[in-house]
Structure formats: structure tokens, C-alpha cells
Amino acid sequence: MELEKLIRAKQAAGAKRPPRIGLHAIPGWGKTTWATSLPKPFFLDCEKGGDELKVTGTDISSIAELNTAISLLRNEKHDFKTVVIDTATALEKIFRAEISKKFDVFAIEDIEWGKGGGHILAEFTLLIKNLESLQEKGLATCILLHTEPVLEPNCFGDDFLAYTPILHKKALPFVLGWLSNVFFGNTIMDIVKKDEGFGKIAKAEGDGKRIIYTDKRPAFMAKNRMGLPFDIAWPKGEAGWNIVKQNIGKG
């Protein structure tokens, strides 16, 4: 009977826990725009890039400002429902600068015994702990990241390129593991071979249609626990999160 109580308690907690969402996307895709459609978002703007969109939140230029903002969200009364990190890639630069200053080095790679990455991981560990405290208050989390093609080692054949969120190699698996959903944003593109000069040249063509990918493929990292279809079109003018909600359970 006690075991059944534990199981029911776990199920009840899971049903109430707000989502933890990550989004990495190609430059210009609209990461910040997509996040503005989340329920009552509060932006921790590490890039100062939300001004044109008039997002609600605060600029983050230091670890102290980050911790203060999270503390206020945790302890003061408000009606925000989502906290958005925009972006974790830019936040890492803040971590790097302060860690380097603390150890009086030019870059974290100059910290002896290669311990710089461990300090980056420690900062992201504390960040996740603080975000979990906001989850307990009912706030969902959205972490935005830049992305880039990275050569992935392949035990079964040739190595290949895959879009991977830009974050320190020690912090990335930890952050992605904590997130329950990670989406990849890209645009539809066709590769067309054309006769030019002395041979055929491959050129990319497309009309800029945006796609949200929700499951991992060799070419990119993605995952979801919402029962979403593999790819979801995001038409211009539509609220990005609403498009995702309409597809929950349709995968």
C-alpha cells in the first residue's frame, strides 16, 4: 500500500509539473519570436535582442543579475507562467567572462589542469537548480540556444555533420538531459543541381517556410514527450507555441 502511495504521488507530481522546453534553431529563424507566444513569458535576455519585439523581462549582463531576477520571480507575487533564457549560448559567455576574471586568466581554457569546463558546468548546474525552484512555483521553462553543424563521430561508418546546440561540451549533455522537450528550428530547403561553367553546381533553394522538428535524426538533435509529429510547419503570423499545442498527441 505504501508503494502504491509513492507511485500515485509521483504520477500526480508529473501531471502538475510545467514543461521544460529547449529550442535551437538556425540564425534568423525566429527563436525569440517563437518564445513570445509561450504562456505569459518573462525573458532573461542575455543577448539584448528582444528590444525590437518588446518582450517583457530584464537584461542579464552578470551572474548577480541572473540570480537576482530568478530570486524575484521565485519570491515576489506575479502572474508570469514561463521563464525564457534567451539564450543559453549567450549566458555561457557571461559565465566564461566572470570565471576568467575570478581566476585571473584570459579564457577558461587557461585555467590549470583543464578545470575551466568544470566551472562552466557548475554554473549551469546552479542555473538548473534555480529553474527547478521556479518549476515548483508553477513556471514553465524555455531555454533558447544557437546551433551549428558539428562533425559527429560515427562508430558504424563515416563521420557526419549534425546541427548541435552551441554550449560547452561539459554543460550541453546536462542541460539537454534536464529538458523534457528539445525542438530544432529550420527552414525548408531544396538542393538543385544546375549546369554552370564546366560542370554542375549544387545550389540551395527555398521560400523560407519554417519547420519545427521534434524528434532526433542524424542531422540534428531533438526530442519530445508530448506525442508530437516529427515535423510541424510554423506559418508566418501564427503563434509558434499554439501551433505546437495543436499537435500534442498527434505523433
Protein backbone atom coordinates (compact mmCIF):
# COMPACT_ATOMS: atom_id res chain seq x y z
CA MET A 1 0.00 0.00 0.00
CA GLU A 2 2.81 2.40 0.83
CA LEU A 3 4.39 1.65 -2.53
CA GLU A 4 1.11 2.46 -4.28
CA LYS A 5 1.02 5.80 -2.44
CA LEU A 6 4.51 6.60 -3.69
CA ILE A 7 3.51 5.72 -7.25
CA ARG A 8 0.36 7.86 -7.08
CA ALA A 9 2.34 10.76 -5.62
CA LYS A 10 4.86 10.53 -8.45
CA GLN A 11 2.11 10.43 -11.07
CA ALA A 12 0.33 13.41 -9.51
CA ALA A 13 3.56 15.44 -9.39
CA GLY A 14 4.32 14.63 -13.02
CA ALA A 15 0.87 15.71 -14.13
CA LYS A 16 1.27 19.09 -12.42
CA ARG A 17 4.89 19.79 -13.42
CA PRO A 18 5.13 22.53 -16.09
CA PRO A 19 7.05 21.73 -19.29
CA ARG A 20 10.79 22.20 -19.74
CA ILE A 21 11.39 23.19 -23.36
CA GLY A 22 14.58 23.79 -25.31
CA LEU A 23 14.76 25.30 -28.79
CA HIS A 24 17.82 25.56 -31.01
CA ALA A 25 17.47 26.99 -34.49
CA ILE A 26 19.40 28.39 -37.42
CA PRO A 27 20.19 32.14 -37.41
CA GLY A 28 17.19 34.32 -38.24
CA TRP A 29 14.65 31.52 -37.79
CA GLY A 30 12.80 33.36 -35.02
CA LYS A 31 13.70 31.75 -31.69
CA THR A 32 12.75 34.79 -29.63
CA THR A 33 9.60 35.39 -31.67
CA TRP A 34 8.56 31.77 -31.11
CA ALA A 35 9.12 32.09 -27.36
CA THR A 36 6.98 35.23 -27.10
CA SER A 37 3.94 33.03 -27.81
CA LEU A 38 4.51 30.91 -24.69
CA PRO A 39 2.11 31.48 -21.78
CA LYS A 40 2.93 34.85 -20.13
CA PRO A 41 6.70 34.69 -20.69
CA PHE A 42 9.33 36.55 -18.68
CA PHE A 43 12.59 36.88 -20.63
CA LEU A 44 16.03 36.68 -19.06
CA ASP A 45 17.59 38.47 -22.04
CA CYS A 46 21.27 37.61 -22.22
CA GLU A 47 21.60 38.91 -25.79
CA LYS A 48 19.74 42.22 -25.51
CA GLY A 49 17.96 41.03 -28.64
CA GLY A 50 14.37 41.24 -27.50
CA ASP A 51 14.04 45.03 -27.60
CA GLU A 52 12.56 45.11 -31.11
CA LEU A 53 9.93 42.56 -30.06
CA LYS A 54 9.18 44.48 -26.85
CA VAL A 55 9.45 41.36 -24.72
CA THR A 56 8.70 41.52 -21.01
CA GLY A 57 11.71 40.72 -18.87
CA THR A 58 15.12 42.01 -17.92
CA ASP A 59 18.58 42.25 -19.47
CA ILE A 60 21.17 39.89 -18.00
CA SER A 61 24.81 41.01 -18.03
CA SER A 62 26.18 39.21 -14.97
CA ILE A 63 25.66 36.18 -12.75
CA ALA A 64 24.47 38.50 -9.98
CA GLU A 65 21.74 39.93 -12.24
CA LEU A 66 20.70 36.41 -13.26
CA ASN A 67 20.40 35.24 -9.65
CA THR A 68 18.55 38.41 -8.61
CA ALA A 69 15.99 38.03 -11.40
CA ILE A 70 15.34 34.37 -10.58
CA SER A 71 15.04 35.19 -6.88
CA LEU A 72 12.46 37.90 -7.60
CA LEU A 73 10.47 35.51 -9.81
CA ARG A 74 10.56 32.95 -7.02
CA ASN A 75 9.71 35.18 -4.10
CA GLU A 76 7.53 38.03 -5.40
CA LYS A 77 3.90 37.80 -6.47
CA HIS A 78 3.36 37.92 -10.24
CA ASP A 79 1.30 36.32 -13.00
CA PHE A 80 4.12 35.10 -15.26
CA LYS A 81 3.86 31.47 -16.34
CA THR A 82 7.07 30.89 -18.29
CA VAL A 83 10.70 31.91 -17.78
CA VAL A 84 12.73 32.16 -21.00
CA ILE A 85 16.54 32.03 -21.13
CA ASP A 86 17.46 33.96 -24.29
CA THR A 87 19.96 32.44 -24.98
CA ALA A 88 21.93 29.84 -23.01
CA THR A 89 24.67 30.30 -25.62
CA ALA A 90 24.99 33.98 -24.67
CA LEU A 91 24.68 33.16 -20.97
CA GLU A 92 27.70 30.89 -21.26
CA LYS A 93 29.72 33.89 -22.47
CA ILE A 94 28.74 35.70 -19.25
CA PHE A 95 29.81 32.66 -17.22
CA ARG A 96 33.10 32.48 -19.13
CA ALA A 97 33.89 36.16 -18.54
CA GLU A 98 33.27 36.03 -14.80
CA ILE A 99 35.09 32.73 -14.28
CA SER A 100 38.10 34.04 -16.23
CA LYS A 101 38.14 37.21 -14.12
CA LYS A 102 37.90 35.17 -10.91
CA PHE A 103 40.92 33.04 -11.86
CA ASP A 104 42.78 35.98 -13.45
CA VAL A 105 43.14 34.29 -16.84
CA PHE A 106 42.36 35.41 -20.39
CA ALA A 107 40.00 32.49 -21.05
CA ILE A 108 38.68 29.50 -19.08
CA GLU A 109 40.84 27.22 -21.22
CA ASP A 110 43.84 28.82 -19.47
CA ILE A 111 42.75 27.58 -16.03
CA GLU A 112 45.26 24.95 -14.98
CA TRP A 113 44.53 21.24 -15.16
CA GLY A 114 41.78 21.89 -17.71
CA LYS A 115 39.25 22.71 -14.99
CA GLY A 116 37.58 25.58 -16.84
CA GLY A 117 34.85 23.36 -18.26
CA GLY A 118 34.05 22.09 -14.79
CA HIS A 119 33.37 25.64 -13.62
CA ILE A 120 31.03 26.21 -16.59
CA LEU A 121 29.17 23.01 -15.69
CA ALA A 122 28.91 24.19 -12.06
CA GLU A 123 27.25 27.45 -13.16
CA PHE A 124 24.73 25.63 -15.37
CA THR A 125 24.08 23.15 -12.55
CA LEU A 126 23.18 26.04 -10.25
CA LEU A 127 21.04 27.58 -13.00
CA ILE A 128 19.05 24.36 -13.41
CA LYS A 129 18.62 24.11 -9.65
CA ASN A 130 17.20 27.65 -9.61
CA LEU A 131 14.93 26.91 -12.58
CA GLU A 132 13.63 23.86 -10.73
CA SER A 133 12.70 26.13 -7.83
CA LEU A 134 10.64 28.19 -10.30
CA GLN A 135 9.06 24.98 -11.59
CA GLU A 136 7.88 24.33 -8.05
CA LYS A 137 6.17 27.74 -8.23
CA GLY A 138 4.40 26.64 -11.42
CA LEU A 139 6.60 28.37 -14.02
CA ALA A 140 7.43 26.54 -17.23
CA THR A 141 10.97 26.83 -18.61
CA CYS A 142 12.12 27.63 -22.13
CA ILE A 143 15.84 27.63 -22.92
CA LEU A 144 16.81 29.08 -26.31
CA LEU A 145 20.14 28.18 -27.91
CA HIS A 146 22.08 28.94 -31.05
CA THR A 147 23.03 25.97 -33.20
CA GLU A 148 25.76 24.98 -35.64
CA PRO A 149 26.76 21.96 -37.74
CA VAL A 150 29.21 19.79 -35.80
CA LEU A 151 31.10 16.76 -37.09
CA GLU A 152 29.71 13.76 -35.21
CA PRO A 153 31.86 10.64 -34.78
CA ASN A 154 30.17 7.52 -36.16
CA CYS A 155 31.11 4.07 -34.85
CA PHE A 156 29.29 2.38 -37.75
CA GLY A 157 30.64 4.34 -40.71
CA ASP A 158 31.78 7.75 -41.89
CA ASP A 159 31.52 10.73 -39.56
CA PHE A 160 28.75 13.18 -40.43
CA LEU A 161 27.58 16.74 -39.77
CA ALA A 162 24.69 17.38 -37.39
CA TYR A 163 23.12 20.60 -36.09
CA THR A 164 24.02 20.78 -32.40
CA PRO A 165 23.14 23.45 -29.79
CA ILE A 166 26.11 25.72 -29.10
CA LEU A 167 27.09 25.15 -25.49
CA HIS A 168 30.21 23.94 -23.71
CA LYS A 169 30.72 20.21 -24.22
CA LYS A 170 30.52 19.55 -20.47
CA ALA A 171 27.33 21.56 -19.95
CA LEU A 172 25.42 20.54 -23.09
CA PRO A 173 24.53 16.92 -22.15
CA PHE A 174 23.48 18.04 -18.67
CA VAL A 175 21.18 20.81 -19.94
CA LEU A 176 19.68 18.68 -22.73
CA GLY A 177 19.13 15.82 -20.29
CA TRP A 178 17.17 18.09 -17.94
CA LEU A 179 14.91 19.44 -20.67
CA SER A 180 11.88 17.25 -21.36
CA ASN A 181 11.45 18.63 -24.90
CA VAL A 182 14.06 19.92 -27.32
CA PHE A 183 12.94 21.34 -30.67
CA PHE A 184 15.06 22.17 -33.71
CA GLY A 185 14.02 25.06 -35.95
CA ASN A 186 14.96 25.12 -39.61
CA THR A 187 13.58 26.22 -42.98
CA ILE A 188 12.56 24.02 -45.91
CA MET A 189 15.35 23.84 -48.45
CA ASP A 190 15.81 22.00 -51.75
CA ILE A 191 19.21 21.23 -53.24
CA VAL A 192 19.12 21.74 -57.00
CA LYS A 193 21.98 20.87 -59.35
CA LYS A 194 22.44 23.34 -62.19
CA ASP A 195 24.78 23.41 -65.18
CA GLU A 196 27.14 26.33 -64.74
CA GLY A 197 30.55 26.77 -66.29
CA PHE A 198 32.40 23.48 -66.62
CA GLY A 199 30.03 21.32 -64.59
CA LYS A 200 27.03 21.05 -62.35
CA ILE A 201 26.84 23.16 -59.19
CA ALA A 202 24.53 22.34 -56.28
CA LYS A 203 22.50 25.32 -55.07
CA ALA A 204 20.06 25.62 -52.19
CA GLU A 205 16.60 26.96 -52.97
CA GLY A 206 13.63 27.60 -50.70
CA ASP A 207 10.88 30.03 -49.79
CA GLY A 208 11.73 30.39 -46.11
CA LYS A 209 8.97 28.14 -44.73
CA ARG A 210 9.80 27.43 -41.10
CA ILE A 211 9.67 23.92 -39.64
CA ILE A 212 9.80 22.76 -36.02
CA TYR A 213 11.41 19.31 -35.73
CA THR A 214 10.58 17.35 -32.58
CA ASP A 215 12.47 14.04 -32.85
CA LYS A 216 16.16 13.31 -33.23
CA ARG A 217 17.62 12.48 -36.63
CA PRO A 218 21.25 12.10 -37.71
CA ALA A 219 21.20 15.70 -38.98
CA PHE A 220 20.02 17.35 -35.74
CA MET A 221 19.24 16.96 -32.04
CA ALA A 222 15.56 16.97 -30.97
CA LYS A 223 13.23 15.10 -28.61
CA ASN A 224 9.75 15.40 -27.14
CA ARG A 225 7.47 13.83 -24.56
CA MET A 226 4.28 15.39 -25.89
CA GLY A 227 3.43 12.85 -28.57
CA LEU A 228 4.21 15.39 -31.31
CA PRO A 229 4.60 14.58 -35.01
CA PHE A 230 8.15 14.58 -36.36
CA ASP A 231 7.82 17.96 -38.09
CA ILE A 232 5.43 20.88 -37.64
CA ALA A 233 5.08 23.81 -40.04
CA TRP A 234 5.15 27.26 -38.43
CA PRO A 235 3.39 29.67 -40.81
CA LYS A 236 4.29 33.34 -40.61
CA GLY A 237 1.88 35.32 -38.49
CA GLU A 238 0.90 32.31 -36.39
CA ALA A 239 1.76 31.95 -32.70
CA GLY A 240 4.53 29.34 -32.53
CA TRP A 241 3.53 27.73 -29.24
CA ASN A 242 -0.11 27.48 -30.32
CA ILE A 243 0.99 25.52 -33.38
CA VAL A 244 2.82 23.07 -31.12
CA LYS A 245 -0.13 22.75 -28.69
CA GLN A 246 -2.49 21.93 -31.56
CA ASN A 247 -0.28 18.95 -32.45
CA ILE A 248 0.14 17.40 -28.99
CA GLY A 249 -0.75 13.71 -29.13
CA LYS A 250 -0.78 13.58 -32.93
CA GLY A 251 2.63 11.96 -33.33
